[in-house]
């Protein structure tokens, strides 16, 4: 009987974790993620509707990057 009560509970917890929204990256985590992807001098970090945007250098050129809610990094012109 005990396992019948635990199984639905575990199932509910698993479902809650699966559908829970991703937590936003802290500024330090965002900078670390961008640096790991080859960006340097990350600055002007702002949260927008499209994700978190920042300015950075990549291969000596200034770029604008967007990190979306899934953690994907996209460069914008």
PDB file of N, CA and C in Angstrom:
ATOM      1  N   UNK A   1       0.803  -1.209   0.000  1.00  0.00           N
ATOM      2  CA  UNK A   1       0.000   0.000   0.000  1.00  0.00           C
ATOM      3  C   UNK A   1       0.842   1.268   0.000  1.00  0.00           C
ATOM      4  N   UNK A   2       1.896   1.209   0.757  1.00  0.00           N
ATOM      5  CA  UNK A   2       2.754   2.382   0.866  1.00  0.00           C
ATOM      6  C   UNK A   2       3.288   2.819  -0.486  1.00  0.00           C
ATOM      7  N   UNK A   3       3.684   1.883  -1.347  1.00  0.00           N
ATOM      8  CA  UNK A   3       4.223   2.238  -2.657  1.00  0.00           C
ATOM      9  C   UNK A   3       3.153   2.824  -3.555  1.00  0.00           C
ATOM     10  N   UNK A   4       1.917   2.469  -3.373  1.00  0.00           N
ATOM     11  CA  UNK A   4       0.843   3.069  -4.181  1.00  0.00           C
ATOM     12  C   UNK A   4       0.658   4.539  -3.845  1.00  0.00           C
ATOM     13  N   UNK A   5       0.912   4.918  -2.628  1.00  0.00           N
ATOM     14  CA  UNK A   5       0.797   6.327  -2.234  1.00  0.00           C
ATOM     15  C   UNK A   5       2.022   7.122  -2.686  1.00  0.00           C
ATOM     16  N   UNK A   6       3.168   6.509  -2.716  1.00  0.00           N
ATOM     17  CA  UNK A   6       4.383   7.210  -3.106  1.00  0.00           C
ATOM     18  C   UNK A   6       4.435   7.416  -4.619  1.00  0.00           C
ATOM     19  N   UNK A   7       4.045   6.450  -5.378  1.00  0.00           N
ATOM     20  CA  UNK A   7       4.155   6.549  -6.836  1.00  0.00           C
ATOM     21  C   UNK A   7       3.422   7.745  -7.416  1.00  0.00           C
ATOM     22  N   UNK A   8       2.146   8.002  -7.072  1.00  0.00           N
ATOM     23  CA  UNK A   8       1.493   9.203  -7.608  1.00  0.00           C
ATOM     24  C   UNK A   8       2.179  10.488  -7.150  1.00  0.00           C
ATOM     25  N   UNK A   9       2.697  10.492  -5.937  1.00  0.00           N
ATOM     26  CA  UNK A   9       3.390  11.675  -5.437  1.00  0.00           C
ATOM     27  C   UNK A   9       4.647  11.946  -6.258  1.00  0.00           C
ATOM     28  N   UNK A  10       5.414  10.898  -6.509  1.00  0.00           N
ATOM     29  CA  UNK A  10       6.629  11.051  -7.311  1.00  0.00           C
ATOM     30  C   UNK A  10       6.281  11.493  -8.721  1.00  0.00           C
ATOM     31  N   UNK A  11       5.221  10.938  -9.278  1.00  0.00           N
ATOM     32  CA  UNK A  11       4.784  11.329 -10.619  1.00  0.00           C
ATOM     33  C   UNK A  11       4.406  12.804 -10.658  1.00  0.00           C
ATOM     34  N   UNK A  12       3.678  13.269  -9.675  1.00  0.00           N
ATOM     35  CA  UNK A  12       3.286  14.685  -9.630  1.00  0.00           C
ATOM     36  C   UNK A  12       4.498  15.598  -9.509  1.00  0.00           C
ATOM     37  N   UNK A  13       5.454  15.220  -8.656  1.00  0.00           N
ATOM     38  CA  UNK A  13       6.667  16.030  -8.517  1.00  0.00           C
ATOM     39  C   UNK A  13       7.467  16.070  -9.810  1.00  0.00           C
ATOM     40  N   UNK A  14       7.560  14.934 -10.479  1.00  0.00           N
ATOM     41  CA  UNK A  14       8.287  14.881 -11.749  1.00  0.00           C
ATOM     42  C   UNK A  14       7.620  15.771 -12.787  1.00  0.00           C
ATOM     43  N   UNK A  15       6.304  15.755 -12.827  1.00  0.00           N
ATOM     44  CA  UNK A  15       5.585  16.602 -13.784  1.00  0.00           C
ATOM     45  C   UNK A  15       5.769  18.081 -13.464  1.00  0.00           C
ATOM     46  N   UNK A  16       5.759  18.415 -12.186  1.00  0.00           N
ATOM     47  CA  UNK A  16       5.967  19.819 -11.802  1.00  0.00           C
ATOM     48  C   UNK A  16       7.348  20.307 -12.213  1.00  0.00           C
ATOM     49  N   UNK A  17       8.356  19.485 -12.035  1.00  0.00           N
ATOM     50  CA  UNK A  17       9.719  19.855 -12.427  1.00  0.00           C
ATOM     51  C   UNK A  17       9.804  20.002 -13.940  1.00  0.00           C
ATOM     52  N   UNK A  18       9.139  19.120 -14.673  1.00  0.00           N
ATOM     53  CA  UNK A  18       9.206  19.145 -16.134  1.00  0.00           C
ATOM     54  C   UNK A  18       8.559  20.391 -16.720  1.00  0.00           C
ATOM     55  N   UNK A  19       7.510  20.897 -16.096  1.00  0.00           N
ATOM     56  CA  UNK A  19       6.799  22.049 -16.658  1.00  0.00           C
ATOM     57  C   UNK A  19       7.165  23.360 -15.977  1.00  0.00           C
ATOM     58  N   UNK A  20       8.021  23.317 -14.977  1.00  0.00           N
ATOM     59  CA  UNK A  20       8.432  24.539 -14.288  1.00  0.00           C
ATOM     60  C   UNK A  20       9.246  25.415 -15.242  1.00  0.00           C
ATOM     61  N   UNK A  21       9.024  26.714 -15.217  1.00  0.00           N
ATOM     62  CA  UNK A  21       9.789  27.591 -16.103  1.00  0.00           C
ATOM     63  C   UNK A  21      11.265  27.597 -15.721  1.00  0.00           C
ATOM     64  N   UNK A  22      12.099  27.784 -16.726  1.00  0.00           N
ATOM     65  CA  UNK A  22      13.539  27.847 -16.482  1.00  0.00           C
ATOM     66  C   UNK A  22      13.846  29.109 -15.684  1.00  0.00           C
ATOM     67  N   UNK A  23      14.776  29.010 -14.791  1.00  0.00           N
ATOM     68  CA  UNK A  23      15.140  30.181 -13.996  1.00  0.00           C
ATOM     69  C   UNK A  23      16.104  31.023 -14.817  1.00  0.00           C
ATOM     70  N   UNK A  24      15.978  32.317 -14.652  1.00  0.00           N
ATOM     71  CA  UNK A  24      16.836  33.236 -15.394  1.00  0.00           C
ATOM     72  C   UNK A  24      18.263  33.138 -14.883  1.00  0.00           C
ATOM     73  N   UNK A  25      19.211  33.331 -15.778  1.00  0.00           N
ATOM     74  CA  UNK A  25      20.619  33.337 -15.403  1.00  0.00           C
ATOM     75  C   UNK A  25      20.931  34.599 -14.614  1.00  0.00           C
ATOM     76  N   UNK A  26      21.809  34.479 -13.638  1.00  0.00           N
ATOM     77  CA  UNK A  26      22.293  35.679 -12.964  1.00  0.00           C
ATOM     78  C   UNK A  26      23.256  36.393 -13.916  1.00  0.00           C
ATOM     79  N   UNK A  27      23.607  37.612 -13.588  1.00  0.00           N
ATOM     80  CA  UNK A  27      24.530  38.361 -14.445  1.00  0.00           C
ATOM     81  C   UNK A  27      25.878  37.637 -14.520  1.00  0.00           C
ATOM     82  N   UNK A  28      26.348  37.098 -13.406  1.00  0.00           N
ATOM     83  CA  UNK A  28      27.628  36.372 -13.401  1.00  0.00           C
ATOM     84  C   UNK A  28      27.539  35.124 -14.275  1.00  0.00           C
ATOM     85  N   UNK A  29      26.431  34.394 -14.191  1.00  0.00           N
ATOM     86  CA  UNK A  29      26.253  33.188 -15.001  1.00  0.00           C
ATOM     87  C   UNK A  29      26.197  33.533 -16.482  1.00  0.00           C
ATOM     88  N   UNK A  30      25.525  34.637 -16.798  1.00  0.00           N
ATOM     89  CA  UNK A  30      25.422  35.069 -18.189  1.00  0.00           C
ATOM     90  C   UNK A  30      26.797  35.416 -18.754  1.00  0.00           C
ATOM     91  N   UNK A  31      27.577  36.182 -18.001  1.00  0.00           N
ATOM     92  CA  UNK A  31      28.921  36.555 -18.448  1.00  0.00           C
ATOM     93  C   UNK A  31      29.772  35.302 -18.622  1.00  0.00           C
ATOM     94  N   UNK A  32      29.693  34.372 -17.677  1.00  0.00           N
ATOM     95  CA  UNK A  32      30.469  33.127 -17.772  1.00  0.00           C
ATOM     96  C   UNK A  32      30.062  32.325 -19.005  1.00  0.00           C
ATOM     97  N   UNK A  33      28.772  32.265 -19.297  1.00  0.00           N
ATOM     98  CA  UNK A  33      28.282  31.535 -20.474  1.00  0.00           C
ATOM     99  C   UNK A  33      28.812  32.174 -21.751  1.00  0.00           C
ATOM    100  N   UNK A  34      28.763  33.494 -21.835  1.00  0.00           N
ATOM    101  CA  UNK A  34      29.253  34.192 -23.025  1.00  0.00           C
ATOM    102  C   UNK A  34      30.771  34.045 -23.164  1.00  0.00           C
ATOM    103  N   UNK A  35      31.490  34.140 -22.065  1.00  0.00           N
ATOM    104  CA  UNK A  35      32.944  33.975 -22.124  1.00  0.00           C
ATOM    105  C   UNK A  35      33.314  32.559 -22.554  1.00  0.00           C
ATOM    106  N   UNK A  36      32.569  31.576 -22.096  1.00  0.00           N
ATOM    107  CA  UNK A  36      32.820  30.184 -22.501  1.00  0.00           C
ATOM    108  C   UNK A  36      32.564  29.994 -23.992  1.00  0.00           C
ATOM    109  N   UNK A  37      31.708  30.838 -24.569  1.00  0.00           N
ATOM    110  CA  UNK A  37      31.403  30.769 -26.001  1.00  0.00           C
ATOM    111  C   UNK A  37      32.358  31.624 -26.831  1.00  0.00           C
ATOM    112  N   UNK A  38      33.373  32.243 -26.174  1.00  0.00           N
ATOM    113  CA  UNK A  38      34.378  32.992 -26.913  1.00  0.00           C
ATOM    114  C   UNK A  38      34.189  34.497 -26.938  1.00  0.00           C
ATOM    115  N   UNK A  39      33.243  35.015 -26.174  1.00  0.00           N
ATOM    116  CA  UNK A  39      33.009  36.460 -26.123  1.00  0.00           C
ATOM    117  C   UNK A  39      33.837  37.066 -24.998  1.00  0.00           C
ATOM    118  N   UNK A  40      34.251  38.314 -25.172  1.00  0.00           N
ATOM    119  CA  UNK A  40      34.988  39.027 -24.137  1.00  0.00           C
ATOM    120  C   UNK A  40      34.351  40.393 -23.937  1.00  0.00           C
ATOM    121  N   UNK A  41      34.776  41.077 -22.886  1.00  0.00           N
ATOM    122  CA  UNK A  41      34.319  42.441 -22.580  1.00  0.00           C
ATOM    123  C   UNK A  41      32.796  42.565 -22.668  1.00  0.00           C
ATOM    124  N   UNK A  42      32.099  41.710 -21.973  1.00  0.00           N
ATOM    125  CA  UNK A  42      30.633  41.728 -21.953  1.00  0.00           C
ATOM    126  C   UNK A  42      30.177  42.948 -21.165  1.00  0.00           C
ATOM    127  N   UNK A  43      29.260  43.730 -21.743  1.00  0.00           N
ATOM    128  CA  UNK A  43      28.774  44.943 -21.085  1.00  0.00           C
ATOM    129  C   UNK A  43      27.335  45.229 -21.496  1.00  0.00           C
ATOM    130  N   UNK A  44      26.759  46.266 -20.900  1.00  0.00           N
ATOM    131  CA  UNK A  44      25.395  46.735 -21.208  1.00  0.00           C
ATOM    132  C   UNK A  44      24.380  45.597 -21.206  1.00  0.00           C
ATOM    133  N   UNK A  45      24.367  44.833 -20.134  1.00  0.00           N
ATOM    134  CA  UNK A  45      23.450  43.700 -20.019  1.00  0.00           C
ATOM    135  C   UNK A  45      22.073  44.216 -19.623  1.00  0.00           C
ATOM    136  N   UNK A  46      21.062  43.822 -20.420  1.00  0.00           N
ATOM    137  CA  UNK A  46      19.684  44.256 -20.167  1.00  0.00           C
ATOM    138  C   UNK A  46      18.721  43.123 -20.471  1.00  0.00           C
ATOM    139  N   UNK A  47      17.655  43.076 -19.706  1.00  0.00           N
ATOM    140  CA  UNK A  47      16.612  42.088 -19.945  1.00  0.00           C
ATOM    141  C   UNK A  47      15.549  42.711 -20.851  1.00  0.00           C
ATOM    142  N   UNK A  48      15.180  42.005 -21.905  1.00  0.00           N
ATOM    143  CA  UNK A  48      14.165  42.489 -22.839  1.00  0.00           C
ATOM    144  C   UNK A  48      13.152  41.386 -23.109  1.00  0.00           C
ATOM    145  N   UNK A  49      12.182  41.677 -23.936  1.00  0.00           N
ATOM    146  CA  UNK A  49      11.188  40.690 -24.310  1.00  0.00           C
ATOM    147  C   UNK A  49      11.765  39.535 -25.104  1.00  0.00           C
ATOM    148  N   UNK A  50      12.857  39.763 -25.800  1.00  0.00           N
ATOM    149  CA  UNK A  50      13.458  38.697 -26.610  1.00  0.00           C
ATOM    150  C   UNK A  50      14.477  37.869 -25.837  1.00  0.00           C
ATOM    151  N   UNK A  51      14.830  38.296 -24.635  1.00  0.00           N
ATOM    152  CA  UNK A  51      15.807  37.595 -23.810  1.00  0.00           C
ATOM    153  C   UNK A  51      16.714  38.606 -23.139  1.00  0.00           C
ATOM    154  N   UNK A  52      17.872  38.170 -22.719  1.00  0.00           N
ATOM    155  CA  UNK A  52      18.846  39.075 -22.123  1.00  0.00           C
ATOM    156  C   UNK A  52      19.827  39.487 -23.212  1.00  0.00           C
ATOM    157  N   UNK A  53      19.951  40.788 -23.408  1.00  0.00           N
ATOM    158  CA  UNK A  53      20.840  41.301 -24.447  1.00  0.00           C
ATOM    159  C   UNK A  53      22.085  41.907 -23.811  1.00  0.00           C
ATOM    160  N   UNK A  54      23.172  41.873 -24.555  1.00  0.00           N
ATOM    161  CA  UNK A  54      24.425  42.446 -24.071  1.00  0.00           C
ATOM    162  C   UNK A  54      25.292  42.818 -25.255  1.00  0.00           C
ATOM    163  N   UNK A  55      26.254  43.679 -24.992  1.00  0.00           N
ATOM    164  CA  UNK A  55      27.304  43.976 -25.971  1.00  0.00           C
ATOM    165  C   UNK A  55      28.518  43.175 -25.561  1.00  0.00           C
ATOM    166  N   UNK A  56      29.280  42.731 -26.548  1.00  0.00           N
ATOM    167  CA  UNK A  56      30.495  41.966 -26.258  1.00  0.00           C
ATOM    168  C   UNK A  56      31.424  42.036 -27.459  1.00  0.00           C
ATOM    169  N   UNK A  57      32.646  41.567 -27.280  1.00  0.00           N
ATOM    170  CA  UNK A  57      33.596  41.457 -28.385  1.00  0.00           C
ATOM    171  C   UNK A  57      33.763  39.990 -28.742  1.00  0.00           C
ATOM    172  N   UNK A  58      33.798  39.724 -30.038  1.00  0.00           N
ATOM    173  CA  UNK A  58      34.098  38.375 -30.525  1.00  0.00           C
ATOM    174  C   UNK A  58      34.989  38.548 -31.735  1.00  0.00           C
ATOM    175  N   UNK A  59      36.143  37.916 -31.703  1.00  0.00           N
ATOM    176  CA  UNK A  59      37.125  38.021 -32.788  1.00  0.00           C
ATOM    177  C   UNK A  59      37.473  39.478 -33.086  1.00  0.00           C
ATOM    178  N   UNK A  60      37.549  40.294 -32.020  1.00  0.00           N
ATOM    179  CA  UNK A  60      37.932  41.691 -32.168  1.00  0.00           C
ATOM    180  C   UNK A  60      36.839  42.623 -32.648  1.00  0.00           C
ATOM    181  N   UNK A  61      35.631  42.107 -32.858  1.00  0.00           N
ATOM    182  CA  UNK A  61      34.520  42.940 -33.341  1.00  0.00           C
ATOM    183  C   UNK A  61      33.442  43.048 -32.277  1.00  0.00           C
ATOM    184  N   UNK A  62      32.869  44.248 -32.140  1.00  0.00           N
ATOM    185  CA  UNK A  62      31.771  44.429 -31.197  1.00  0.00           C
ATOM    186  C   UNK A  62      30.498  43.833 -31.783  1.00  0.00           C
ATOM    187  N   UNK A  63      29.812  43.040 -30.984  1.00  0.00           N
ATOM    188  CA  UNK A  63      28.561  42.414 -31.411  1.00  0.00           C
ATOM    189  C   UNK A  63      27.520  42.598 -30.324  1.00  0.00           C
ATOM    190  N   UNK A  64      26.279  42.486 -30.734  1.00  0.00           N
ATOM    191  CA  UNK A  64      25.152  42.474 -29.800  1.00  0.00           C
ATOM    192  C   UNK A  64      24.681  41.035 -29.734  1.00  0.00           C
ATOM    193  N   UNK A  65      24.567  40.502 -28.538  1.00  0.00           N
ATOM    194  CA  UNK A  65      24.122  39.122 -28.375  1.00  0.00           C
ATOM    195  C   UNK A  65      22.827  39.081 -27.576  1.00  0.00           C
ATOM    196  N   UNK A  66      22.032  38.064 -27.861  1.00  0.00           N
ATOM    197  CA  UNK A  66      20.812  37.809 -27.119  1.00  0.00           C
ATOM    198  C   UNK A  66      20.897  36.389 -26.585  1.00  0.00           C
ATOM    199  N   UNK A  67      20.655  36.236 -25.301  1.00  0.00           N
ATOM    200  CA  UNK A  67      20.576  34.910 -24.702  1.00  0.00           C
ATOM    201  C   UNK A  67      19.105  34.699 -24.366  1.00  0.00           C
ATOM    202  N   UNK A  68      18.474  33.727 -25.056  1.00  0.00           N
ATOM    203  CA  UNK A  68      17.045  33.514 -24.846  1.00  0.00           C
ATOM    204  C   UNK A  68      16.790  32.660 -23.609  1.00  0.00           C
ATOM    205  N   UNK A  69      15.511  32.420 -23.319  1.00  0.00           N
ATOM    206  CA  UNK A  69      15.138  31.710 -22.096  1.00  0.00           C
ATOM    207  C   UNK A  69      15.639  30.273 -22.056  1.00  0.00           C
ATOM    208  N   UNK A  70      15.973  29.711 -23.213  1.00  0.00           N
ATOM    209  CA  UNK A  70      16.506  28.345 -23.223  1.00  0.00           C
ATOM    210  C   UNK A  70      18.032  28.330 -23.135  1.00  0.00           C
ATOM    211  N   UNK A  71      18.650  29.523 -23.092  1.00  0.00           N
ATOM    212  CA  UNK A  71      20.101  29.618 -22.953  1.00  0.00           C
ATOM    213  C   UNK A  71      20.846  29.695 -24.269  1.00  0.00           C
ATOM    214  N   UNK A  72      20.124  29.762 -25.376  1.00  0.00           N
ATOM    215  CA  UNK A  72      20.757  29.852 -26.689  1.00  0.00           C
ATOM    216  C   UNK A  72      21.307  31.264 -26.891  1.00  0.00           C
ATOM    217  N   UNK A  73      22.511  31.341 -27.446  1.00  0.00           N
ATOM    218  CA  UNK A  73      23.157  32.620 -27.729  1.00  0.00           C
ATOM    219  C   UNK A  73      22.995  32.923 -29.215  1.00  0.00           C
ATOM    220  N   UNK A  74      22.478  34.118 -29.498  1.00  0.00           N
ATOM    221  CA  UNK A  74      22.314  34.551 -30.885  1.00  0.00           C
ATOM    222  C   UNK A  74      22.938  35.920 -31.058  1.00  0.00           C
ATOM    223  N   UNK A  75      23.720  36.071 -32.119  1.00  0.00           N
ATOM    224  CA  UNK A  75      24.290  37.385 -32.438  1.00  0.00           C
ATOM    225  C   UNK A  75      23.303  38.166 -33.276  1.00  0.00           C
ATOM    226  N   UNK A  76      23.251  39.474 -33.030  1.00  0.00           N
ATOM    227  CA  UNK A  76      22.402  40.347 -33.836  1.00  0.00           C
ATOM    228  C   UNK A  76      23.247  41.478 -34.386  1.00  0.00           C
ATOM    229  N   UNK A  77      22.875  41.985 -35.543  1.00  0.00           N
ATOM    230  CA  UNK A  77      23.602  43.086 -36.180  1.00  0.00           C
ATOM    231  C   UNK A  77      23.176  44.412 -35.627  1.00  0.00           C
TER     232      UNK A  77
END
